[in-house]
PDB file of all heavy atoms in Angstrom:
ATOM      1  N   ALA A   1      16.240 -13.139  -4.693  1.00  0.00           N
ATOM      2  CA  ALA A   1      16.794 -13.938  -3.596  1.00  0.00           C
ATOM      3  C   ALA A   1      17.281 -13.056  -2.460  1.00  0.00           C
ATOM      4  O   ALA A   1      17.059 -13.357  -1.278  1.00  0.00           O
ATOM      5  CB  ALA A   1      17.925 -14.819  -4.113  1.00  0.00           C
ATOM      6  N   GLU A   2      17.956 -11.977  -2.783  1.00  0.00           N
ATOM      7  CA  GLU A   2      18.457 -11.057  -1.756  1.00  0.00           C
ATOM      8  C   GLU A   2      17.296 -10.411  -1.005  1.00  0.00           C
ATOM      9  O   GLU A   2      17.335 -10.254   0.236  1.00  0.00           O
ATOM     10  CB  GLU A   2      19.340  -9.990  -2.399  1.00  0.00           C
ATOM     11  CG  GLU A   2      20.210  -9.210  -1.412  1.00  0.00           C
ATOM     12  CD  GLU A   2      21.221 -10.076  -0.700  1.00  0.00           C
ATOM     13  OE1 GLU A   2      22.109 -10.643  -1.362  1.00  0.00           O
ATOM     14  OE2 GLU A   2      21.099 -10.202   0.545  1.00  0.00           O
ATOM     15  N   THR A   3      16.246 -10.047  -1.734  1.00  0.00           N
ATOM     16  CA  THR A   3      15.051  -9.457  -1.096  1.00  0.00           C
ATOM     17  C   THR A   3      14.435 -10.459  -0.110  1.00  0.00           C
ATOM     18  O   THR A   3      14.102 -10.092   1.024  1.00  0.00           O
ATOM     19  CB  THR A   3      14.012  -9.070  -2.161  1.00  0.00           C
ATOM     20  OG1 THR A   3      14.570  -8.076  -3.016  1.00  0.00           O
ATOM     21  CG2 THR A   3      12.749  -8.523  -1.516  1.00  0.00           C
ATOM     22  N   GLN A   4      14.300 -11.713  -0.527  1.00  0.00           N
ATOM     23  CA  GLN A   4      13.688 -12.726   0.328  1.00  0.00           C
ATOM     24  C   GLN A   4      14.583 -13.080   1.518  1.00  0.00           C
ATOM     25  O   GLN A   4      14.095 -13.360   2.612  1.00  0.00           O
ATOM     26  CB  GLN A   4      13.376 -13.983  -0.487  1.00  0.00           C
ATOM     27  CG  GLN A   4      12.331 -13.788  -1.566  1.00  0.00           C
ATOM     28  CD  GLN A   4      10.978 -13.396  -1.002  1.00  0.00           C
ATOM     29  OE1 GLN A   4      10.733 -12.248  -0.662  1.00  0.00           O
ATOM     30  NE2 GLN A   4      10.103 -14.367  -0.842  1.00  0.00           N
ATOM     31  N   ARG A   5      15.886 -13.056   1.304  1.00  0.00           N
ATOM     32  CA  ARG A   5      16.806 -13.351   2.416  1.00  0.00           C
ATOM     33  C   ARG A   5      16.623 -12.347   3.538  1.00  0.00           C
ATOM     34  O   ARG A   5      16.579 -12.723   4.724  1.00  0.00           O
ATOM     35  CB  ARG A   5      18.252 -13.342   1.925  1.00  0.00           C
ATOM     36  CG  ARG A   5      19.272 -13.670   3.037  1.00  0.00           C
ATOM     37  CD  ARG A   5      20.618 -13.994   2.460  1.00  0.00           C
ATOM     38  NE  ARG A   5      21.373 -12.836   2.078  1.00  0.00           N
ATOM     39  CZ  ARG A   5      22.405 -12.332   2.792  1.00  0.00           C
ATOM     40  NH1 ARG A   5      22.749 -12.898   3.938  1.00  0.00           N
ATOM     41  NH2 ARG A   5      23.047 -11.281   2.356  1.00  0.00           N
ATOM     42  N   HIS A   6      16.492 -11.069   3.169  1.00  0.00           N
ATOM     43  CA  HIS A   6      16.303 -10.035   4.192  1.00  0.00           C
ATOM     44  C   HIS A   6      14.889 -10.064   4.751  1.00  0.00           C
ATOM     45  O   HIS A   6      14.685  -9.900   5.956  1.00  0.00           O
ATOM     46  CB  HIS A   6      16.624  -8.656   3.618  1.00  0.00           C
ATOM     47  CG  HIS A   6      18.090  -8.423   3.388  1.00  0.00           C
ATOM     48  ND1 HIS A   6      18.983  -8.229   4.431  1.00  0.00           N
ATOM     49  CD2 HIS A   6      18.826  -8.386   2.252  1.00  0.00           C
ATOM     50  CE1 HIS A   6      20.209  -8.073   3.940  1.00  0.00           C
ATOM     51  NE2 HIS A   6      20.136  -8.169   2.621  1.00  0.00           N
ATOM     52  N   ARG A   7      13.921 -10.311   3.909  1.00  0.00           N
ATOM     53  CA  ARG A   7      12.522 -10.316   4.345  1.00  0.00           C
ATOM     54  C   ARG A   7      12.258 -11.403   5.376  1.00  0.00           C
ATOM     55  O   ARG A   7      11.538 -11.186   6.359  1.00  0.00           O
ATOM     56  CB  ARG A   7      11.612 -10.539   3.117  1.00  0.00           C
ATOM     57  CG  ARG A   7      10.122 -10.584   3.442  1.00  0.00           C
ATOM     58  CD  ARG A   7       9.326 -10.871   2.165  1.00  0.00           C
ATOM     59  NE  ARG A   7       7.910 -10.922   2.410  1.00  0.00           N
ATOM     60  CZ  ARG A   7       7.009 -11.263   1.499  1.00  0.00           C
ATOM     61  NH1 ARG A   7       7.391 -11.573   0.266  1.00  0.00           N
ATOM     62  NH2 ARG A   7       5.723 -11.299   1.802  1.00  0.00           N
ATOM     63  N   LEU A   8      12.853 -12.576   5.181  1.00  0.00           N
ATOM     64  CA  LEU A   8      12.607 -13.705   6.073  1.00  0.00           C
ATOM     65  C   LEU A   8      13.726 -13.923   7.081  1.00  0.00           C
ATOM     66  O   LEU A   8      13.693 -14.863   7.853  1.00  0.00           O
ATOM     67  CB  LEU A   8      12.408 -14.999   5.258  1.00  0.00           C
ATOM     68  CG  LEU A   8      10.995 -15.251   4.754  1.00  0.00           C
ATOM     69  CD1 LEU A   8      10.607 -14.249   3.672  1.00  0.00           C
ATOM     70  CD2 LEU A   8      10.843 -16.660   4.198  1.00  0.00           C
ATOM     71  N   ASN A   9      14.715 -13.039   7.068  1.00  0.00           N
ATOM     72  CA  ASN A   9      15.844 -13.155   7.999  1.00  0.00           C
ATOM     73  C   ASN A   9      16.504 -14.530   7.889  1.00  0.00           C
ATOM     74  O   ASN A   9      16.739 -15.204   8.896  1.00  0.00           O
ATOM     75  CB  ASN A   9      15.384 -12.886   9.445  1.00  0.00           C
ATOM     76  CG  ASN A   9      16.557 -12.745  10.407  1.00  0.00           C
ATOM     77  OD1 ASN A   9      17.645 -12.320  10.018  1.00  0.00           O
ATOM     78  ND2 ASN A   9      16.350 -13.107  11.661  1.00  0.00           N
ATOM     79  N   ILE A  10      16.798 -14.935   6.659  1.00  0.00           N
ATOM     80  CA  ILE A  10      17.489 -16.203   6.432  1.00  0.00           C
ATOM     81  C   ILE A  10      18.962 -16.016   6.774  1.00  0.00           C
ATOM     82  O   ILE A  10      19.652 -15.207   6.167  1.00  0.00           O
ATOM     83  CB  ILE A  10      17.337 -16.659   4.967  1.00  0.00           C
ATOM     84  CG1 ILE A  10      15.846 -16.868   4.634  1.00  0.00           C
ATOM     85  CG2 ILE A  10      18.124 -17.949   4.719  1.00  0.00           C
ATOM     86  CD1 ILE A  10      15.581 -17.146   3.160  1.00  0.00           C
ATOM     87  N   ARG A  11      19.434 -16.775   7.749  1.00  0.00           N
ATOM     88  CA  ARG A  11      20.804 -16.608   8.229  1.00  0.00           C
ATOM     89  C   ARG A  11      21.747 -17.458   7.375  1.00  0.00           C
ATOM     90  O   ARG A  11      22.011 -18.625   7.654  1.00  0.00           O
ATOM     91  CB  ARG A  11      20.894 -16.987   9.703  1.00  0.00           C
ATOM     92  CG  ARG A  11      20.056 -16.071  10.596  1.00  0.00           C
ATOM     93  CD  ARG A  11      20.172 -16.454  12.059  1.00  0.00           C
ATOM     94  NE  ARG A  11      19.369 -15.588  12.904  1.00  0.00           N
ATOM     95  CZ  ARG A  11      18.108 -15.804  13.238  1.00  0.00           C
ATOM     96  NH1 ARG A  11      17.502 -16.905  12.791  1.00  0.00           N
ATOM     97  NH2 ARG A  11      17.439 -14.979  14.012  1.00  0.00           N
ATOM     98  N   ALA A  12      22.237 -16.831   6.318  1.00  0.00           N
ATOM     99  CA  ALA A  12      23.191 -17.471   5.416  1.00  0.00           C
ATOM    100  C   ALA A  12      24.273 -16.444   5.094  1.00  0.00           C
ATOM    101  O   ALA A  12      24.010 -15.235   5.103  1.00  0.00           O
ATOM    102  CB  ALA A  12      22.499 -17.934   4.140  1.00  0.00           C
ATOM    103  N   TYR A  13      25.465 -16.940   4.797  1.00  0.00           N
ATOM    104  CA  TYR A  13      26.577 -16.021   4.509  1.00  0.00           C
ATOM    105  C   TYR A  13      26.225 -15.113   3.342  1.00  0.00           C
ATOM    106  O   TYR A  13      26.469 -13.904   3.372  1.00  0.00           O
ATOM    107  CB  TYR A  13      27.851 -16.811   4.226  1.00  0.00           C
ATOM    108  CG  TYR A  13      29.050 -15.932   3.915  1.00  0.00           C
ATOM    109  CD1 TYR A  13      29.689 -15.232   4.940  1.00  0.00           C
ATOM    110  CD2 TYR A  13      29.516 -15.808   2.605  1.00  0.00           C
ATOM    111  CE1 TYR A  13      30.775 -14.414   4.653  1.00  0.00           C
ATOM    112  CE2 TYR A  13      30.596 -14.994   2.314  1.00  0.00           C
ATOM    113  CZ  TYR A  13      31.228 -14.291   3.340  1.00  0.00           C
ATOM    114  OH  TYR A  13      32.288 -13.480   3.048  1.00  0.00           O
ATOM    115  N   ASP A  14      25.666 -15.702   2.282  1.00  0.00           N
ATOM    116  CA  ASP A  14      25.187 -14.922   1.141  1.00  0.00           C
ATOM    117  C   ASP A  14      24.208 -15.787   0.373  1.00  0.00           C
ATOM    118  O   ASP A  14      23.944 -16.937   0.736  1.00  0.00           O
ATOM    119  CB  ASP A  14      26.336 -14.424   0.253  1.00  0.00           C
ATOM    120  CG  ASP A  14      27.205 -15.543  -0.297  1.00  0.00           C
ATOM    121  OD1 ASP A  14      26.686 -16.684  -0.451  1.00  0.00           O
ATOM    122  OD2 ASP A  14      28.380 -15.311  -0.588  1.00  0.00           O
ATOM    123  N   ILE A  15      23.646 -15.246  -0.709  1.00  0.00           N
ATOM    124  CA  ILE A  15      22.623 -15.959  -1.456  1.00  0.00           C
ATOM    125  C   ILE A  15      23.196 -17.095  -2.292  1.00  0.00           C
ATOM    126  O   ILE A  15      22.438 -17.891  -2.867  1.00  0.00           O
ATOM    127  CB  ILE A  15      21.818 -15.000  -2.352  1.00  0.00           C
ATOM    128  CG1 ILE A  15      22.743 -14.219  -3.297  1.00  0.00           C
ATOM    129  CG2 ILE A  15      20.968 -14.058  -1.509  1.00  0.00           C
ATOM    130  CD1 ILE A  15      22.002 -13.325  -4.273  1.00  0.00           C
ATOM    131  N   ALA A  16      24.519 -17.212  -2.360  1.00  0.00           N
ATOM    132  CA  ALA A  16      25.149 -18.330  -3.073  1.00  0.00           C
ATOM    133  C   ALA A  16      25.354 -19.544  -2.160  1.00  0.00           C
ATOM    134  O   ALA A  16      25.778 -20.608  -2.616  1.00  0.00           O
ATOM    135  CB  ALA A  16      26.501 -17.897  -3.644  1.00  0.00           C
ATOM    136  N   THR A  17      25.034 -19.413  -0.880  1.00  0.00           N
ATOM    137  CA  THR A  17      25.208 -20.506   0.084  1.00  0.00           C
ATOM    138  C   THR A  17      24.309 -21.683  -0.275  1.00  0.00           C
ATOM    139  O   THR A  17      23.127 -21.507  -0.585  1.00  0.00           O
ATOM    140  CB  THR A  17      24.865 -20.020   1.506  1.00  0.00           C
ATOM    141  OG1 THR A  17      25.698 -18.902   1.826  1.00  0.00           O
ATOM    142  CG2 THR A  17      25.083 -21.121   2.521  1.00  0.00           C
ATOM    143  N   GLU A  18      24.851 -22.902  -0.230  1.00  0.00           N
ATOM    144  CA  GLU A  18      24.049 -24.085  -0.515  1.00  0.00           C
ATOM    145  C   GLU A  18      23.049 -24.331   0.604  1.00  0.00           C
ATOM    146  O   GLU A  18      23.373 -24.212   1.794  1.00  0.00           O
ATOM    147  CB  GLU A  18      24.953 -25.314  -0.673  1.00  0.00           C
ATOM    148  CG  GLU A  18      25.756 -25.318  -1.959  1.00  0.00           C
ATOM    149  CD  GLU A  18      26.498 -26.632  -2.174  1.00  0.00           C
ATOM    150  OE1 GLU A  18      26.326 -27.548  -1.332  1.00  0.00           O
ATOM    151  OE2 GLU A  18      27.220 -26.739  -3.173  1.00  0.00           O
ATOM    152  N   ALA A  19      21.835 -24.716   0.241  1.00  0.00           N
ATOM    153  CA  ALA A  19      20.761 -24.933   1.223  1.00  0.00           C
ATOM    154  C   ALA A  19      21.128 -26.015   2.224  1.00  0.00           C
ATOM    155  O   ALA A  19      20.763 -25.929   3.402  1.00  0.00           O
ATOM    156  CB  ALA A  19      19.472 -25.289   0.497  1.00  0.00           C
ATOM    157  N   GLY A  20      21.839 -27.047   1.769  1.00  0.00           N
ATOM    158  CA  GLY A  20      22.165 -28.167   2.644  1.00  0.00           C
ATOM    159  C   GLY A  20      23.088 -27.816   3.798  1.00  0.00           C
ATOM    160  O   GLY A  20      23.197 -28.594   4.749  1.00  0.00           O
ATOM    161  N   THR A  21      23.743 -26.668   3.748  1.00  0.00           N
ATOM    162  CA  THR A  21      24.666 -26.271   4.822  1.00  0.00           C
ATOM    163  C   THR A  21      23.971 -25.478   5.916  1.00  0.00           C
ATOM    164  O   THR A  21      24.602 -25.168   6.931  1.00  0.00           O
ATOM    165  CB  THR A  21      25.809 -25.417   4.260  1.00  0.00           C
ATOM    166  OG1 THR A  21      25.287 -24.169   3.760  1.00  0.00           O
ATOM    167  CG2 THR A  21      26.527 -26.137   3.118  1.00  0.00           C
ATOM    168  N   LEU A  22      22.697 -25.156   5.739  1.00  0.00           N
ATOM    169  CA  LEU A  22      21.993 -24.291   6.690  1.00  0.00           C
ATOM    170  C   LEU A  22      21.208 -25.108   7.715  1.00  0.00           C
ATOM    171  O   LEU A  22      20.951 -26.293   7.541  1.00  0.00           O
ATOM    172  CB  LEU A  22      21.031 -23.352   5.934  1.00  0.00           C
ATOM    173  CG  LEU A  22      21.687 -22.432   4.899  1.00  0.00           C
ATOM    174  CD1 LEU A  22      20.626 -21.568   4.228  1.00  0.00           C
ATOM    175  CD2 LEU A  22      22.767 -21.567   5.544  1.00  0.00           C
ATOM    176  N   SER A  23      20.823 -24.438   8.801  1.00  0.00           N
ATOM    177  CA  SER A  23      20.030 -25.078   9.849  1.00  0.00           C
ATOM    178  C   SER A  23      18.624 -25.386   9.347  1.00  0.00           C
ATOM    179  O   SER A  23      18.173 -24.868   8.312  1.00  0.00           O
ATOM    180  CB  SER A  23      19.941 -24.160  11.066  1.00  0.00           C
ATOM    181  OG  SER A  23      19.133 -23.022  10.770  1.00  0.00           O
ATOM    182  N   GLY A  24      17.904 -26.231  10.099  1.00  0.00           N
ATOM    183  CA  GLY A  24      16.545 -26.597   9.718  1.00  0.00           C
ATOM    184  C   GLY A  24      15.623 -25.399   9.603  1.00  0.00           C
ATOM    185  O   GLY A  24      14.798 -25.318   8.676  1.00  0.00           O
ATOM    186  N   GLY A  25      15.742 -24.457  10.537  1.00  0.00           N
ATOM    187  CA  GLY A  25      14.901 -23.282  10.494  1.00  0.00           C
ATOM    188  C   GLY A  25      15.147 -22.436   9.254  1.00  0.00           C
ATOM    189  O   GLY A  25      14.208 -21.942   8.621  1.00  0.00           O
ATOM    190  N   ASN A  26      16.403 -22.274   8.888  1.00  0.00           N
ATOM    191  CA  ASN A  26      16.733 -21.480   7.705  1.00  0.00           C
ATOM    192  C   ASN A  26      16.358 -22.216   6.417  1.00  0.00           C
ATOM    193  O   ASN A  26      15.966 -21.589   5.429  1.00  0.00           O
ATOM    194  CB  ASN A  26      18.218 -21.115   7.714  1.00  0.00           C
ATOM    195  CG  ASN A  26      18.523 -20.029   8.722  1.00  0.00           C
ATOM    196  OD1 ASN A  26      17.980 -18.931   8.644  1.00  0.00           O
ATOM    197  ND2 ASN A  26      19.386 -20.322   9.687  1.00  0.00           N
ATOM    198  N   GLN A  27      16.453 -23.547   6.412  1.00  0.00           N
ATOM    199  CA  GLN A  27      15.993 -24.304   5.255  1.00  0.00           C
ATOM    200  C   GLN A  27      14.488 -24.138   5.069  1.00  0.00           C
ATOM    201  O   GLN A  27      13.994 -23.983   3.942  1.00  0.00           O
ATOM    202  CB  GLN A  27      16.352 -25.786   5.419  1.00  0.00           C
ATOM    203  CG  GLN A  27      17.825 -26.070   5.281  1.00  0.00           C
ATOM    204  CD  GLN A  27      18.151 -27.529   5.502  1.00  0.00           C
ATOM    205  OE1 GLN A  27      17.306 -28.314   5.939  1.00  0.00           O
ATOM    206  NE2 GLN A  27      19.384 -27.922   5.204  1.00  0.00           N
ATOM    207  N   GLN A  28      13.754 -24.162   6.178  1.00  0.00           N
ATOM    208  CA  GLN A  28      12.307 -23.982   6.079  1.00  0.00           C
ATOM    209  C   GLN A  28      11.956 -22.594   5.523  1.00  0.00           C
ATOM    210  O   GLN A  28      11.017 -22.440   4.742  1.00  0.00           O
ATOM    211  CB  GLN A  28      11.662 -24.180   7.459  1.00  0.00           C
ATOM    212  CG  GLN A  28      10.144 -24.235   7.460  1.00  0.00           C
ATOM    213  CD  GLN A  28       9.620 -25.550   6.914  1.00  0.00           C
ATOM    214  OE1 GLN A  28      10.102 -26.058   5.898  1.00  0.00           O
ATOM    215  NE2 GLN A  28       8.621 -26.098   7.563  1.00  0.00           N
ATOM    216  N   LYS A  29      12.741 -21.601   5.905  1.00  0.00           N
ATOM    217  CA  LYS A  29      12.515 -20.243   5.398  1.00  0.00           C
ATOM    218  C   LYS A  29      12.779 -20.174   3.894  1.00  0.00           C
ATOM    219  O   LYS A  29      12.118 -19.408   3.178  1.00  0.00           O
ATOM    220  CB  LYS A  29      13.404 -19.246   6.140  1.00  0.00           C
ATOM    221  CG  LYS A  29      12.993 -18.998   7.584  1.00  0.00           C
ATOM    222  CD  LYS A  29      13.955 -18.020   8.242  1.00  0.00           C
ATOM    223  CE  LYS A  29      13.672 -17.826   9.704  1.00  0.00           C
ATOM    224  NZ  LYS A  29      14.644 -16.897  10.331  1.00  0.00           N
ATOM    225  N   ILE A  30      13.731 -20.962   3.393  1.00  0.00           N
ATOM    226  CA  ILE A  30      13.998 -20.967   1.942  1.00  0.00           C
ATOM    227  C   ILE A  30      12.796 -21.560   1.205  1.00  0.00           C
ATOM    228  O   ILE A  30      12.380 -21.038   0.167  1.00  0.00           O
ATOM    229  CB  ILE A  30      15.276 -21.771   1.612  1.00  0.00           C
ATOM    230  CG1 ILE A  30      16.510 -21.080   2.215  1.00  0.00           C
ATOM    231  CG2 ILE A  30      15.453 -21.881   0.100  1.00  0.00           C
ATOM    232  CD1 ILE A  30      17.790 -21.878   2.050  1.00  0.00           C
ATOM    233  N   VAL A  31      12.239 -22.666   1.749  1.00  0.00           N
ATOM    234  CA  VAL A  31      11.039 -23.245   1.127  1.00  0.00           C
ATOM    235  C   VAL A  31       9.935 -22.200   1.062  1.00  0.00           C
ATOM    236  O   VAL A  31       9.250 -22.045   0.049  1.00  0.00           O
ATOM    237  CB  VAL A  31      10.570 -24.486   1.903  1.00  0.00           C
ATOM    238  CG1 VAL A  31       9.298 -25.051   1.280  1.00  0.00           C
ATOM    239  CG2 VAL A  31      11.652 -25.556   1.923  1.00  0.00           C
ATOM    240  N   LEU A  32       9.778 -21.469   2.157  1.00  0.00           N
ATOM    241  CA  LEU A  32       8.748 -20.433   2.201  1.00  0.00           C
ATOM    242  C   LEU A  32       9.091 -19.271   1.259  1.00  0.00           C
ATOM    243  O   LEU A  32       8.216 -18.710   0.593  1.00  0.00           O
ATOM    244  CB  LEU A  32       8.595 -19.939   3.635  1.00  0.00           C
ATOM    245  CG  LEU A  32       7.493 -18.919   3.925  1.00  0.00           C
ATOM    246  CD1 LEU A  32       6.146 -19.420   3.430  1.00  0.00           C
ATOM    247  CD2 LEU A  32       7.443 -18.615   5.416  1.00  0.00           C
TER     248      LEU A  32
END
């Protein structure tokens, strides 16, 4: 998860952040 967060530049406080609290763009990056 940490590798993917940095690879896709997912803007979240940390990897424990709930998906529902993030913007649409960052949610799409999680799906990817």
